[in-house]
């Protein structure tokens, strides 16, 4: 069983919704570098976010990809790396997230906020809750 299969097993066991299970399942094809066909934006964004997190916390995309390549002996031209980078490009192209600045800043409706996650923000109006 690989890490993604273990994740799917755990989330089924704890009883997450079918919608979340579908997103996590789609993420697996992206993470394993086997993404074929159309993937939901939820899965693409969730996978990108997951690809910015290491055991040390939020480290950003490039640092995490370098960590994964080193940890699992993955070559730069490996299909997994290509798919991860393509997914990042697609998320960057079609969202208002400023991905190169993560985790330092994020953009909601053209307003930049510090990445202090002790506060919450409304996605509908960009105002603090």
N, C-alpha and C. Protein backbone atom coordinates (compact mmCIF):
# COMPACT_ATOMS: atom_id res chain seq x y z
N UNK A 1 0.86 -1.18 0.00
CA UNK A 1 0.00 0.00 0.00
C UNK A 1 0.90 1.24 0.00
N UNK A 2 0.64 2.16 -0.95
CA UNK A 2 1.43 3.39 -0.97
C UNK A 2 0.80 4.43 -0.04
N UNK A 3 1.46 5.58 0.11
CA UNK A 3 1.00 6.61 1.04
C UNK A 3 -0.39 7.13 0.68
N UNK A 4 -0.65 7.28 -0.61
CA UNK A 4 -1.97 7.79 -0.99
C UNK A 4 -3.07 6.77 -0.69
N UNK A 5 -2.81 5.51 -0.97
CA UNK A 5 -3.79 4.46 -0.65
C UNK A 5 -4.06 4.43 0.85
N UNK A 6 -3.02 4.61 1.66
CA UNK A 6 -3.19 4.65 3.12
C UNK A 6 -4.07 5.84 3.51
N UNK A 7 -3.85 6.99 2.88
CA UNK A 7 -4.67 8.17 3.17
C UNK A 7 -6.12 7.90 2.84
N UNK A 8 -6.38 7.32 1.68
CA UNK A 8 -7.77 7.01 1.30
C UNK A 8 -8.40 6.05 2.30
N UNK A 9 -7.65 5.07 2.73
CA UNK A 9 -8.17 4.11 3.70
C UNK A 9 -8.53 4.80 5.02
N UNK A 10 -7.67 5.68 5.48
CA UNK A 10 -7.90 6.40 6.74
C UNK A 10 -9.13 7.29 6.64
N UNK A 11 -9.25 8.04 5.54
CA UNK A 11 -10.39 8.95 5.46
C UNK A 11 -11.71 8.21 5.29
N UNK A 12 -11.67 7.04 4.66
CA UNK A 12 -12.89 6.21 4.60
C UNK A 12 -13.26 5.74 6.00
N UNK A 13 -12.24 5.35 6.76
CA UNK A 13 -12.46 4.83 8.11
C UNK A 13 -13.05 5.90 9.03
N UNK A 14 -12.63 7.15 8.87
CA UNK A 14 -13.15 8.20 9.75
C UNK A 14 -14.46 8.79 9.25
N UNK A 15 -14.89 8.37 8.07
CA UNK A 15 -16.22 8.73 7.59
C UNK A 15 -16.36 10.08 6.94
N UNK A 16 -15.39 10.50 6.14
CA UNK A 16 -15.54 11.76 5.43
C UNK A 16 -16.61 11.63 4.35
N UNK A 17 -17.08 12.75 3.87
CA UNK A 17 -18.13 12.75 2.86
C UNK A 17 -17.62 12.15 1.55
N UNK A 18 -18.56 11.73 0.72
CA UNK A 18 -18.21 11.20 -0.60
C UNK A 18 -17.52 12.27 -1.45
N UNK A 19 -17.93 13.53 -1.28
CA UNK A 19 -17.31 14.62 -2.05
C UNK A 19 -15.82 14.75 -1.71
N UNK A 20 -15.50 14.69 -0.43
CA UNK A 20 -14.09 14.77 -0.02
C UNK A 20 -13.33 13.54 -0.49
N UNK A 21 -13.93 12.39 -0.36
CA UNK A 21 -13.29 11.15 -0.83
C UNK A 21 -12.97 11.22 -2.32
N UNK A 22 -13.89 11.78 -3.11
CA UNK A 22 -13.67 11.93 -4.56
C UNK A 22 -12.48 12.85 -4.82
N UNK A 23 -12.41 13.96 -4.10
CA UNK A 23 -11.30 14.91 -4.27
C UNK A 23 -9.98 14.25 -3.92
N UNK A 24 -9.94 13.55 -2.80
CA UNK A 24 -8.70 12.89 -2.37
C UNK A 24 -8.31 11.81 -3.37
N UNK A 25 -9.27 11.08 -3.90
CA UNK A 25 -8.98 10.06 -4.90
C UNK A 25 -8.37 10.69 -6.15
N UNK A 26 -8.95 11.80 -6.61
CA UNK A 26 -8.40 12.50 -7.78
C UNK A 26 -7.00 13.02 -7.49
N UNK A 27 -6.78 13.50 -6.27
CA UNK A 27 -5.45 14.00 -5.89
C UNK A 27 -4.40 12.91 -6.07
N UNK A 28 -4.77 11.68 -5.80
CA UNK A 28 -3.82 10.58 -5.90
C UNK A 28 -3.26 10.41 -7.29
N UNK A 29 -4.08 10.61 -8.31
CA UNK A 29 -3.57 10.46 -9.67
C UNK A 29 -2.63 11.60 -10.03
N UNK A 30 -2.86 12.78 -9.44
CA UNK A 30 -1.96 13.90 -9.67
C UNK A 30 -0.64 13.64 -8.92
N UNK A 31 -0.76 13.29 -7.65
CA UNK A 31 0.43 13.09 -6.82
C UNK A 31 1.32 11.96 -7.33
N UNK A 32 0.71 10.94 -7.89
CA UNK A 32 1.49 9.80 -8.38
C UNK A 32 2.01 10.04 -9.80
N UNK A 33 1.66 11.18 -10.37
CA UNK A 33 2.14 11.50 -11.71
C UNK A 33 1.40 10.75 -12.80
N UNK A 34 0.20 10.28 -12.48
CA UNK A 34 -0.57 9.51 -13.46
C UNK A 34 -1.84 10.24 -13.87
N UNK A 35 -1.91 11.55 -13.62
CA UNK A 35 -3.12 12.32 -13.92
C UNK A 35 -3.42 12.27 -15.41
N UNK A 36 -4.55 11.70 -15.74
CA UNK A 36 -5.01 11.64 -17.12
C UNK A 36 -6.46 12.10 -17.12
N UNK A 37 -6.83 12.81 -18.15
CA UNK A 37 -8.20 13.29 -18.22
C UNK A 37 -8.42 14.51 -17.34
N UNK A 38 -9.65 14.94 -17.28
CA UNK A 38 -10.00 16.15 -16.57
C UNK A 38 -10.08 15.90 -15.06
N UNK A 39 -9.45 16.78 -14.31
CA UNK A 39 -9.50 16.72 -12.86
C UNK A 39 -10.28 17.93 -12.35
N UNK A 40 -10.98 17.77 -11.25
CA UNK A 40 -11.75 18.88 -10.70
C UNK A 40 -10.79 19.95 -10.17
N UNK A 41 -11.31 21.18 -10.12
CA UNK A 41 -10.49 22.26 -9.56
C UNK A 41 -10.25 22.04 -8.08
N UNK A 42 -11.21 21.45 -7.39
CA UNK A 42 -11.00 21.14 -5.98
C UNK A 42 -9.79 20.24 -5.80
N UNK A 43 -9.70 19.21 -6.64
CA UNK A 43 -8.57 18.27 -6.54
C UNK A 43 -7.27 18.95 -6.94
N UNK A 44 -7.29 19.75 -7.97
CA UNK A 44 -6.07 20.44 -8.41
C UNK A 44 -5.55 21.38 -7.33
N UNK A 45 -6.45 22.18 -6.74
CA UNK A 45 -6.03 23.13 -5.71
C UNK A 45 -5.59 22.40 -4.45
N UNK A 46 -6.33 21.37 -4.06
CA UNK A 46 -5.95 20.59 -2.87
C UNK A 46 -4.60 19.91 -3.08
N UNK A 47 -4.37 19.38 -4.28
CA UNK A 47 -3.09 18.72 -4.55
C UNK A 47 -1.95 19.73 -4.54
N UNK A 48 -2.19 20.91 -5.13
CA UNK A 48 -1.15 21.93 -5.09
C UNK A 48 -0.81 22.29 -3.65
N UNK A 49 -1.84 22.52 -2.83
CA UNK A 49 -1.61 22.87 -1.43
C UNK A 49 -0.83 21.76 -0.73
N UNK A 50 -1.20 20.52 -1.00
CA UNK A 50 -0.50 19.38 -0.41
C UNK A 50 0.96 19.33 -0.84
N UNK A 51 1.23 19.78 -2.06
CA UNK A 51 2.59 19.76 -2.59
C UNK A 51 3.41 20.94 -2.04
N UNK A 52 2.84 21.72 -1.16
CA UNK A 52 3.58 22.83 -0.52
C UNK A 52 3.87 22.52 0.95
N UNK A 53 3.51 21.32 1.40
CA UNK A 53 3.65 20.97 2.81
C UNK A 53 4.61 19.81 2.97
N UNK A 54 5.53 19.97 3.91
CA UNK A 54 6.49 18.91 4.23
C UNK A 54 6.28 18.52 5.69
N UNK A 55 7.01 17.54 6.18
CA UNK A 55 6.90 17.21 7.60
C UNK A 55 7.25 18.39 8.52
N UNK A 56 7.94 19.39 8.00
CA UNK A 56 8.31 20.56 8.79
C UNK A 56 7.25 21.65 8.77
N UNK A 57 6.21 21.51 7.95
CA UNK A 57 5.17 22.52 7.85
C UNK A 57 5.04 23.02 6.42
N UNK A 58 4.46 24.21 6.26
CA UNK A 58 4.27 24.80 4.94
C UNK A 58 5.63 25.34 4.48
N UNK A 59 6.13 24.79 3.38
CA UNK A 59 7.46 25.18 2.89
C UNK A 59 7.42 25.79 1.49
N UNK A 60 6.31 25.70 0.81
CA UNK A 60 6.21 26.20 -0.56
C UNK A 60 6.48 25.10 -1.56
N UNK A 61 6.03 25.34 -2.78
CA UNK A 61 6.06 24.33 -3.83
C UNK A 61 7.47 23.88 -4.19
N UNK A 62 8.34 24.81 -4.56
CA UNK A 62 9.67 24.45 -5.05
C UNK A 62 10.47 23.68 -3.99
N UNK A 63 10.43 24.16 -2.76
CA UNK A 63 11.18 23.49 -1.69
C UNK A 63 10.64 22.08 -1.46
N UNK A 64 9.32 21.92 -1.50
CA UNK A 64 8.74 20.60 -1.29
C UNK A 64 9.07 19.65 -2.44
N UNK A 65 9.01 20.13 -3.66
CA UNK A 65 9.35 19.27 -4.79
C UNK A 65 10.82 18.83 -4.69
N UNK A 66 11.69 19.74 -4.32
CA UNK A 66 13.10 19.37 -4.14
C UNK A 66 13.24 18.32 -3.04
N UNK A 67 12.49 18.49 -1.95
CA UNK A 67 12.50 17.51 -0.86
C UNK A 67 12.02 16.14 -1.33
N UNK A 68 10.93 16.11 -2.09
CA UNK A 68 10.40 14.84 -2.59
C UNK A 68 11.38 14.16 -3.54
N UNK A 69 12.00 14.95 -4.42
CA UNK A 69 12.97 14.38 -5.37
C UNK A 69 14.13 13.75 -4.62
N UNK A 70 14.62 14.44 -3.61
CA UNK A 70 15.75 13.93 -2.84
C UNK A 70 15.34 12.72 -1.99
N UNK A 71 14.23 12.85 -1.29
CA UNK A 71 13.76 11.80 -0.37
C UNK A 71 13.47 10.48 -1.09
N UNK A 72 12.86 10.58 -2.29
CA UNK A 72 12.44 9.38 -3.01
C UNK A 72 13.27 9.12 -4.27
N UNK A 73 14.39 9.83 -4.41
CA UNK A 73 15.30 9.65 -5.54
C UNK A 73 14.55 9.77 -6.88
N UNK A 74 13.84 10.89 -7.04
CA UNK A 74 13.06 11.14 -8.24
C UNK A 74 13.84 12.12 -9.12
N UNK A 75 14.01 11.78 -10.37
CA UNK A 75 14.73 12.63 -11.31
C UNK A 75 13.87 13.83 -11.72
N UNK A 76 14.52 14.92 -12.08
CA UNK A 76 13.83 16.14 -12.52
C UNK A 76 12.92 15.87 -13.72
N UNK A 77 13.31 14.95 -14.60
CA UNK A 77 12.50 14.68 -15.79
C UNK A 77 11.49 13.54 -15.58
N UNK A 78 11.33 13.10 -14.34
CA UNK A 78 10.35 12.06 -14.01
C UNK A 78 8.93 12.58 -14.27
N UNK A 79 8.05 11.70 -14.69
CA UNK A 79 6.66 12.06 -14.97
C UNK A 79 5.99 12.71 -13.77
N UNK A 80 6.28 12.26 -12.55
CA UNK A 80 5.67 12.85 -11.36
C UNK A 80 5.99 14.33 -11.26
N UNK A 81 7.25 14.67 -11.44
CA UNK A 81 7.68 16.07 -11.34
C UNK A 81 6.99 16.90 -12.42
N UNK A 82 6.91 16.36 -13.62
CA UNK A 82 6.25 17.07 -14.72
C UNK A 82 4.78 17.33 -14.40
N UNK A 83 4.09 16.33 -13.86
CA UNK A 83 2.67 16.48 -13.53
C UNK A 83 2.50 17.48 -12.39
N UNK A 84 3.34 17.42 -11.35
CA UNK A 84 3.25 18.38 -10.25
C UNK A 84 3.41 19.81 -10.77
N UNK A 85 4.40 20.02 -11.64
CA UNK A 85 4.65 21.36 -12.17
C UNK A 85 3.52 21.82 -13.09
N UNK A 86 2.99 20.92 -13.89
CA UNK A 86 1.87 21.27 -14.76
C UNK A 86 0.65 21.63 -13.92
N UNK A 87 0.41 20.90 -12.86
CA UNK A 87 -0.71 21.21 -11.97
C UNK A 87 -0.53 22.59 -11.36
N UNK A 88 0.68 22.91 -10.91
CA UNK A 88 0.94 24.24 -10.36
C UNK A 88 0.65 25.31 -11.40
N UNK A 89 1.11 25.11 -12.62
CA UNK A 89 0.87 26.08 -13.70
C UNK A 89 -0.62 26.30 -13.92
N UNK A 90 -1.39 25.22 -13.93
CA UNK A 90 -2.83 25.34 -14.16
C UNK A 90 -3.51 26.08 -13.01
N UNK A 91 -3.14 25.75 -11.78
CA UNK A 91 -3.74 26.43 -10.63
C UNK A 91 -3.37 27.92 -10.67
N UNK A 92 -2.12 28.22 -10.97
CA UNK A 92 -1.68 29.61 -11.07
C UNK A 92 -2.44 30.36 -12.16
N UNK A 93 -2.62 29.72 -13.30
CA UNK A 93 -3.25 30.38 -14.45
C UNK A 93 -4.72 30.70 -14.20
N UNK A 94 -5.43 29.82 -13.52
CA UNK A 94 -6.88 29.96 -13.42
C UNK A 94 -7.40 30.36 -12.05
N UNK A 95 -6.54 30.77 -11.14
CA UNK A 95 -6.99 31.25 -9.83
C UNK A 95 -6.39 32.62 -9.56
N UNK A 96 -6.85 33.24 -8.47
CA UNK A 96 -6.28 34.52 -8.06
C UNK A 96 -5.23 34.34 -6.97
N UNK A 97 -4.88 33.09 -6.69
CA UNK A 97 -3.84 32.83 -5.70
C UNK A 97 -2.49 33.29 -6.22
N UNK A 98 -1.71 33.91 -5.37
CA UNK A 98 -0.35 34.29 -5.74
C UNK A 98 0.58 33.19 -5.24
N UNK A 99 0.68 32.13 -6.02
CA UNK A 99 1.33 30.90 -5.58
C UNK A 99 2.81 31.07 -5.29
N UNK A 100 3.50 31.93 -6.01
CA UNK A 100 4.93 32.08 -5.78
C UNK A 100 5.22 32.74 -4.45
N UNK A 101 4.22 33.41 -3.86
CA UNK A 101 4.42 34.07 -2.58
C UNK A 101 4.01 33.20 -1.40
N UNK A 102 3.31 32.11 -1.66
CA UNK A 102 2.90 31.23 -0.57
C UNK A 102 4.13 30.65 0.10
N UNK A 103 4.18 30.46 1.38
CA UNK A 103 3.11 30.67 2.35
C UNK A 103 3.08 32.07 2.95
N UNK A 104 3.84 33.00 2.45
CA UNK A 104 3.94 34.31 3.06
C UNK A 104 2.67 35.13 2.88
N UNK A 105 2.14 35.18 1.69
CA UNK A 105 0.96 35.97 1.41
C UNK A 105 -0.03 35.17 0.57
N UNK A 106 -1.28 35.53 0.68
CA UNK A 106 -2.27 34.96 -0.22
C UNK A 106 -3.23 36.06 -0.61
N UNK A 107 -3.87 35.90 -1.75
CA UNK A 107 -4.70 36.95 -2.32
C UNK A 107 -6.15 36.51 -2.35
N UNK A 108 -7.01 37.36 -1.81
CA UNK A 108 -8.44 37.13 -1.88
C UNK A 108 -9.06 38.40 -2.45
N UNK A 109 -9.68 38.28 -3.62
CA UNK A 109 -10.33 39.41 -4.27
C UNK A 109 -9.41 40.64 -4.31
N UNK A 110 -8.18 40.43 -4.77
CA UNK A 110 -7.20 41.50 -4.96
C UNK A 110 -6.76 42.19 -3.67
N UNK A 111 -6.94 41.55 -2.54
CA UNK A 111 -6.45 42.07 -1.27
C UNK A 111 -5.46 41.06 -0.72
N UNK A 112 -4.28 41.52 -0.35
CA UNK A 112 -3.26 40.63 0.18
C UNK A 112 -3.32 40.65 1.70
N UNK A 113 -3.28 39.46 2.30
CA UNK A 113 -3.30 39.32 3.74
C UNK A 113 -2.08 38.52 4.17
N UNK A 114 -1.61 38.79 5.36
CA UNK A 114 -0.54 37.99 5.92
C UNK A 114 -1.06 36.58 6.17
N UNK A 115 -0.21 35.60 6.04
CA UNK A 115 -0.63 34.21 6.22
C UNK A 115 -0.63 33.84 7.70
N UNK A 116 -1.36 34.62 8.50
CA UNK A 116 -1.56 34.31 9.91
C UNK A 116 -2.86 33.53 9.99
N UNK A 117 -2.77 32.22 10.08
CA UNK A 117 -3.95 31.38 9.99
C UNK A 117 -4.72 31.29 11.30
N UNK A 118 -4.35 32.13 12.29
CA UNK A 118 -5.14 32.19 13.51
C UNK A 118 -6.39 33.03 13.27
N UNK A 119 -6.41 33.80 12.17
CA UNK A 119 -7.58 34.57 11.79
C UNK A 119 -8.26 33.87 10.62
N UNK A 120 -9.54 34.10 10.46
CA UNK A 120 -10.24 33.50 9.32
C UNK A 120 -10.73 34.61 8.41
N UNK A 121 -10.92 34.28 7.14
CA UNK A 121 -11.37 35.23 6.15
C UNK A 121 -12.53 34.65 5.39
N UNK A 122 -13.45 35.52 5.02
CA UNK A 122 -14.57 35.11 4.20
C UNK A 122 -14.15 35.12 2.75
N UNK A 123 -14.37 34.04 2.04
CA UNK A 123 -14.03 33.99 0.63
C UNK A 123 -15.03 34.76 -0.22
N UNK A 124 -16.17 35.12 0.35
CA UNK A 124 -17.17 35.82 -0.45
C UNK A 124 -16.89 37.31 -0.57
N UNK A 125 -16.27 37.91 0.45
CA UNK A 125 -16.08 39.36 0.36
C UNK A 125 -14.69 39.83 0.75
N UNK A 126 -13.79 38.93 1.10
CA UNK A 126 -12.43 39.32 1.44
C UNK A 126 -12.29 39.99 2.79
N UNK A 127 -13.35 40.05 3.56
CA UNK A 127 -13.31 40.70 4.87
C UNK A 127 -12.98 39.69 5.95
N UNK A 128 -12.29 40.16 6.99
CA UNK A 128 -12.03 39.30 8.15
C UNK A 128 -13.35 38.98 8.83
N UNK A 129 -13.45 37.74 9.32
CA UNK A 129 -14.66 37.35 10.06
C UNK A 129 -14.47 37.63 11.52
